[in-house]
Each structure stands twice: as C-alpha cells, then as structure tokens.
PDB file of N, CA and C in Angstrom:
ATOM      1  N   MET A   1      21.156  -3.838 -42.164  1.00  0.00           N
ATOM      2  CA  MET A   1      20.683  -3.204 -41.220  1.00  0.00           C
ATOM      3  C   MET A   1      20.624  -4.336 -40.079  1.00  0.00           C
ATOM      4  N   ALA A   2      20.395  -3.622 -38.513  1.00  0.00           N
ATOM      5  CA  ALA A   2      20.286  -4.360 -37.315  1.00  0.00           C
ATOM      6  C   ALA A   2      19.820  -4.079 -36.714  1.00  0.00           C
ATOM      7  N   GLY A   3      18.957  -4.806 -35.220  1.00  0.00           N
ATOM      8  CA  GLY A   3      17.820  -4.222 -34.402  1.00  0.00           C
ATOM      9  C   GLY A   3      18.636  -4.151 -33.352  1.00  0.00           C
ATOM     10  N   TYR A   4      19.270  -3.066 -32.753  1.00  0.00           N
ATOM     11  CA  TYR A   4      19.860  -3.721 -31.103  1.00  0.00           C
ATOM     12  C   TYR A   4      18.683  -2.760 -29.994  1.00  0.00           C
ATOM     13  N   CYS A   5      19.019  -2.572 -28.373  1.00  0.00           N
ATOM     14  CA  CYS A   5      18.263  -1.621 -27.405  1.00  0.00           C
ATOM     15  C   CYS A   5      19.324  -1.066 -27.478  1.00  0.00           C
ATOM     16  N   GLU A   6      18.639   0.382 -27.829  1.00  0.00           N
ATOM     17  CA  GLU A   6      19.058   1.690 -27.851  1.00  0.00           C
ATOM     18  C   GLU A   6      18.953   1.914 -25.433  1.00  0.00           C
ATOM     19  N   ALA A   7      19.621   2.964 -25.722  1.00  0.00           N
ATOM     20  CA  ALA A   7      19.948   3.127 -23.896  1.00  0.00           C
ATOM     21  C   ALA A   7      20.067   4.444 -24.568  1.00  0.00           C
ATOM     22  N   ALA A   8      18.854   5.512 -23.797  1.00  0.00           N
ATOM     23  CA  ALA A   8      19.037   6.892 -23.938  1.00  0.00           C
ATOM     24  C   ALA A   8      18.498   7.293 -22.466  1.00  0.00           C
ATOM     25  N   GLY A   9      19.690   7.950 -21.498  1.00  0.00           N
ATOM     26  CA  GLY A   9      18.742   8.021 -20.420  1.00  0.00           C
ATOM     27  C   GLY A   9      18.373   6.913 -19.685  1.00  0.00           C
ATOM     28  N   ASP A  10      16.572   7.151 -19.060  1.00  0.00           N
ATOM     29  CA  ASP A  10      16.518   5.858 -18.582  1.00  0.00           C
ATOM     30  C   ASP A  10      15.416   4.926 -19.008  1.00  0.00           C
ATOM     31  N   ALA A  11      15.348   5.232 -20.116  1.00  0.00           N
ATOM     32  CA  ALA A  11      14.396   4.402 -21.518  1.00  0.00           C
ATOM     33  C   ALA A  11      14.921   3.655 -22.162  1.00  0.00           C
ATOM     34  N   ARG A  12      14.618   2.431 -22.883  1.00  0.00           N
ATOM     35  CA  ARG A  12      15.420   1.520 -23.415  1.00  0.00           C
ATOM     36  C   ARG A  12      14.696   1.601 -24.919  1.00  0.00           C
ATOM     37  N   TYR A  13      15.135   2.179 -25.744  1.00  0.00           N
ATOM     38  CA  TYR A  13      14.571   1.821 -27.224  1.00  0.00           C
ATOM     39  C   TYR A  13      14.731   0.318 -28.194  1.00  0.00           C
ATOM     40  N   ASN A  14      13.430   0.085 -29.006  1.00  0.00           N
ATOM     41  CA  ASN A  14      14.173  -0.917 -30.004  1.00  0.00           C
ATOM     42  C   ASN A  14      14.094   0.093 -31.479  1.00  0.00           C
ATOM     43  N   SER A  15      15.432  -0.556 -31.726  1.00  0.00           N
ATOM     44  CA  SER A  15      15.907   0.709 -32.777  1.00  0.00           C
ATOM     45  C   SER A  15      16.505  -0.230 -34.184  1.00  0.00           C
ATOM     46  N   VAL A  16      16.483   0.438 -34.858  1.00  0.00           N
ATOM     47  CA  VAL A  16      17.276  -0.213 -35.601  1.00  0.00           C
ATOM     48  C   VAL A  16      17.861   0.807 -36.542  1.00  0.00           C
ATOM     49  N   VAL A  17      19.015   0.696 -37.240  1.00  0.00           N
ATOM     50  CA  VAL A  17      20.380   1.423 -37.130  1.00  0.00           C
ATOM     51  C   VAL A  17      20.972   0.739 -38.676  1.00  0.00           C
ATOM     52  N   CYS A  18      21.366   1.382 -40.299  1.00  0.00           N
ATOM     53  CA  CYS A  18      21.293   1.095 -41.536  1.00  0.00           C
ATOM     54  C   CYS A  18      23.037   1.399 -41.829  1.00  0.00           C
ATOM     55  N   VAL A  19      23.812   0.977 -42.304  1.00  0.00           N
ATOM     56  CA  VAL A  19      24.903   1.017 -42.302  1.00  0.00           C
ATOM     57  C   VAL A  19      25.385   0.647 -43.791  1.00  0.00           C
ATOM     58  N   THR A  20      26.098   1.657 -44.591  1.00  0.00           N
ATOM     59  CA  THR A  20      27.324   1.559 -45.576  1.00  0.00           C
ATOM     60  C   THR A  20      28.086   0.709 -45.250  1.00  0.00           C
ATOM     61  N   GLY A  21      29.361   0.576 -46.247  1.00  0.00           N
ATOM     62  CA  GLY A  21      30.416   0.536 -46.121  1.00  0.00           C
ATOM     63  C   GLY A  21      31.211   2.261 -45.776  1.00  0.00           C
ATOM     64  N   ASP A  22      30.005   3.050 -46.189  1.00  0.00           N
ATOM     65  CA  ASP A  22      30.655   4.320 -45.497  1.00  0.00           C
ATOM     66  C   ASP A  22      30.634   4.951 -43.782  1.00  0.00           C
ATOM     67  N   GLY A  23      29.488   4.421 -43.512  1.00  0.00           N
ATOM     68  CA  GLY A  23      29.566   4.381 -42.163  1.00  0.00           C
ATOM     69  C   GLY A  23      27.634   4.264 -42.717  1.00  0.00           C
ATOM     70  N   VAL A  24      27.211   5.226 -40.868  1.00  0.00           N
ATOM     71  CA  VAL A  24      25.734   4.962 -40.634  1.00  0.00           C
ATOM     72  C   VAL A  24      25.367   6.099 -41.719  1.00  0.00           C
ATOM     73  N   LEU A  25      24.344   4.987 -41.868  1.00  0.00           N
ATOM     74  CA  LEU A  25      23.156   6.070 -42.962  1.00  0.00           C
ATOM     75  C   LEU A  25      21.753   7.096 -42.713  1.00  0.00           C
ATOM     76  N   GLY A  26      21.902   5.702 -41.027  1.00  0.00           N
ATOM     77  CA  GLY A  26      20.562   6.253 -40.566  1.00  0.00           C
ATOM     78  C   GLY A  26      19.632   5.238 -38.880  1.00  0.00           C
ATOM     79  N   ASN A  27      19.472   6.033 -38.389  1.00  0.00           N
ATOM     80  CA  ASN A  27      18.472   5.016 -37.611  1.00  0.00           C
ATOM     81  C   ASN A  27      17.002   4.840 -37.280  1.00  0.00           C
ATOM     82  N   HIS A  28      16.513   4.520 -36.580  1.00  0.00           N
ATOM     83  CA  HIS A  28      15.073   4.640 -35.725  1.00  0.00           C
ATOM     84  C   HIS A  28      15.108   3.860 -34.832  1.00  0.00           C
ATOM     85  N   ARG A  29      13.837   4.611 -34.085  1.00  0.00           N
ATOM     86  CA  ARG A  29      12.992   4.295 -32.909  1.00  0.00           C
ATOM     87  C   ARG A  29      11.867   3.544 -33.652  1.00  0.00           C
ATOM     88  N   LYS A  30      11.714   2.461 -32.635  1.00  0.00           N
ATOM     89  CA  LYS A  30      10.373   2.101 -32.953  1.00  0.00           C
ATOM     90  C   LYS A  30       9.120   2.856 -32.831  1.00  0.00           C
ATOM     91  N   VAL A  31       8.088   2.924 -33.426  1.00  0.00           N
ATOM     92  CA  VAL A  31       6.892   3.740 -32.850  1.00  0.00           C
ATOM     93  C   VAL A  31       6.116   2.840 -32.169  1.00  0.00           C
ATOM     94  N   HIS A  32       5.421   2.092 -32.737  1.00  0.00           N
ATOM     95  CA  HIS A  32       4.592   1.169 -32.289  1.00  0.00           C
ATOM     96  C   HIS A  32       4.422  -0.334 -31.962  1.00  0.00           C
ATOM     97  N   GLN A  33       5.081  -0.284 -30.618  1.00  0.00           N
ATOM     98  CA  GLN A  33       5.535  -1.533 -30.175  1.00  0.00           C
ATOM     99  C   GLN A  33       4.097  -3.409 -30.256  1.00  0.00           C
ATOM    100  N   PRO A  34       4.965  -4.184 -30.226  1.00  0.00           N
ATOM    101  CA  PRO A  34       3.419  -4.472 -30.360  1.00  0.00           C
ATOM    102  C   PRO A  34       3.498  -5.151 -28.256  1.00  0.00           C
ATOM    103  N   LEU A  35       2.138  -5.708 -27.863  1.00  0.00           N
ATOM    104  CA  LEU A  35       2.507  -5.483 -26.777  1.00  0.00           C
ATOM    105  C   LEU A  35       3.418  -6.187 -25.927  1.00  0.00           C
ATOM    106  N   SER A  36       3.794  -7.599 -27.063  1.00  0.00           N
ATOM    107  CA  SER A  36       4.566  -8.598 -26.050  1.00  0.00           C
ATOM    108  C   SER A  36       6.171  -7.693 -25.560  1.00  0.00           C
ATOM    109  N   GLU A  37       6.439  -6.363 -26.237  1.00  0.00           N
ATOM    110  CA  GLU A  37       7.358  -5.767 -26.180  1.00  0.00           C
ATOM    111  C   GLU A  37       7.678  -4.174 -25.267  1.00  0.00           C
ATOM    112  N   ASP A  38       6.125  -3.661 -25.283  1.00  0.00           N
ATOM    113  CA  ASP A  38       5.668  -2.468 -24.736  1.00  0.00           C
ATOM    114  C   ASP A  38       5.922  -1.970 -23.412  1.00  0.00           C
ATOM    115  N   ALA A  39       6.188  -3.813 -22.830  1.00  0.00           N
ATOM    116  CA  ALA A  39       6.723  -3.524 -21.093  1.00  0.00           C
ATOM    117  C   ALA A  39       8.143  -3.515 -20.687  1.00  0.00           C
ATOM    118  N   SER A  40       9.037  -3.266 -22.203  1.00  0.00           N
ATOM    119  CA  SER A  40      10.397  -3.411 -22.028  1.00  0.00           C
ATOM    120  C   SER A  40      11.140  -2.538 -22.633  1.00  0.00           C
ATOM    121  N   PHE A  41       9.819  -1.505 -23.487  1.00  0.00           N
ATOM    122  CA  PHE A  41      11.346  -0.722 -24.607  1.00  0.00           C
ATOM    123  C   PHE A  41       9.702   0.088 -24.730  1.00  0.00           C
ATOM    124  N   ALA A  42      10.720   2.201 -24.839  1.00  0.00           N
ATOM    125  CA  ALA A  42       9.762   3.191 -25.564  1.00  0.00           C
ATOM    126  C   ALA A  42       9.495   3.136 -26.520  1.00  0.00           C
ATOM    127  N   SER A  43       8.386   3.717 -26.678  1.00  0.00           N
ATOM    128  CA  SER A  43       7.948   4.096 -27.942  1.00  0.00           C
ATOM    129  C   SER A  43       8.863   5.295 -28.594  1.00  0.00           C
ATOM    130  N   GLY A  44       8.885   5.537 -29.629  1.00  0.00           N
ATOM    131  CA  GLY A  44       9.885   6.393 -30.196  1.00  0.00           C
ATOM    132  C   GLY A  44       8.701   7.818 -30.350  1.00  0.00           C
ATOM    133  N   THR A  45       8.899   9.216 -30.344  1.00  0.00           N
ATOM    134  CA  THR A  45       8.434   9.971 -30.919  1.00  0.00           C
ATOM    135  C   THR A  45       8.313  10.440 -32.241  1.00  0.00           C
ATOM    136  N   VAL A  46       9.353  10.263 -32.844  1.00  0.00           N
ATOM    137  CA  VAL A  46       8.994  10.793 -33.990  1.00  0.00           C
ATOM    138  C   VAL A  46       9.239   9.324 -35.498  1.00  0.00           C
ATOM    139  N   SER A  47       7.722   9.948 -36.516  1.00  0.00           N
ATOM    140  CA  SER A  47       7.726   8.688 -37.251  1.00  0.00           C
ATOM    141  C   SER A  47       8.455   8.791 -38.107  1.00  0.00           C
ATOM    142  N   THR A  48       9.624   9.760 -38.393  1.00  0.00           N
ATOM    143  CA  THR A  48      10.654   9.750 -39.244  1.00  0.00           C
ATOM    144  C   THR A  48      12.119   8.942 -39.324  1.00  0.00           C
ATOM    145  N   PRO A  49      12.601   8.287 -39.795  1.00  0.00           N
ATOM    146  CA  PRO A  49      13.809   7.942 -39.141  1.00  0.00           C
ATOM    147  C   PRO A  49      15.072   9.269 -39.651  1.00  0.00           C
ATOM    148  N   SER A  50      16.056   9.009 -37.963  1.00  0.00           N
ATOM    149  CA  SER A  50      16.762  10.496 -38.270  1.00  0.00           C
ATOM    150  C   SER A  50      18.258  10.058 -39.534  1.00  0.00           C
ATOM    151  N   THR A  51      18.631  10.946 -40.200  1.00  0.00           N
ATOM    152  CA  THR A  51      20.159  10.357 -41.245  1.00  0.00           C
ATOM    153  C   THR A  51      21.007  10.768 -40.096  1.00  0.00           C
ATOM    154  N   HIS A  52      22.458  10.192 -41.701  1.00  0.00           N
ATOM    155  CA  HIS A  52      23.838  10.615 -40.678  1.00  0.00           C
ATOM    156  C   HIS A  52      24.411  10.859 -42.333  1.00  0.00           C
ATOM    157  N   ARG A  53      24.908  11.675 -42.607  1.00  0.00           N
ATOM    158  CA  ARG A  53      26.080  11.811 -42.863  1.00  0.00           C
ATOM    159  C   ARG A  53      26.911  10.543 -43.484  1.00  0.00           C
ATOM    160  N   SER A  54      26.888   9.606 -44.259  1.00  0.00           N
ATOM    161  CA  SER A  54      28.252   9.040 -44.411  1.00  0.00           C
ATOM    162  C   SER A  54      29.740   9.354 -44.254  1.00  0.00           C
ATOM    163  N   ALA A  55      30.426   8.579 -43.635  1.00  0.00           N
ATOM    164  CA  ALA A  55      31.826   8.455 -43.610  1.00  0.00           C
ATOM    165  C   ALA A  55      32.298   9.582 -44.717  1.00  0.00           C
ATOM    166  N   GLY A  56      31.957   8.747 -46.220  1.00  0.00           N
ATOM    167  CA  GLY A  56      32.503   8.991 -47.415  1.00  0.00           C
ATOM    168  C   GLY A  56      32.093   9.890 -48.057  1.00  0.00           C
ATOM    169  N   SER A  57      30.656  10.902 -47.979  1.00  0.00           N
ATOM    170  CA  SER A  57      30.123  11.842 -48.530  1.00  0.00           C
ATOM    171  C   SER A  57      30.658  12.695 -48.054  1.00  0.00           C
ATOM    172  N   GLY A  58      30.733  13.825 -48.648  1.00  0.00           N
ATOM    173  CA  GLY A  58      31.936  15.629 -48.947  1.00  0.00           C
ATOM    174  C   GLY A  58      31.232  15.747 -47.965  1.00  0.00           C
TER     175      GLY A  58
END
C-alpha cells in the first residue's frame, strides 16, 4: 500500500493504492479529510474502494 496525490481534472485527491506482485489490487480516495488537508485535497465521493483485476488473474 502507498499513499499518493491523485490528479483528476482540476481536483487533487489524497489516495491510496494497494498492489501485489501481480499488479494493482485497488485504489481508494480518502472521503473524510482532516482539517489540515481540506484546503489541499478534494474529498472522494465513493466510500468503497475501486478494485482492479490483477495482471496475473485469469
């Protein structure tokens, strides 16, 4: 897992990605921002993480 700043159009999101040896397992945009991050990052709109098929799965 690793946190990163995700750019999407004009918005920036505080996001995390989960990877395995086979590829990306999923990513998530933080929904609730601490006050110190509220001015820098937009809040995600979906509370469930998006998932991806890993490169090694059939």
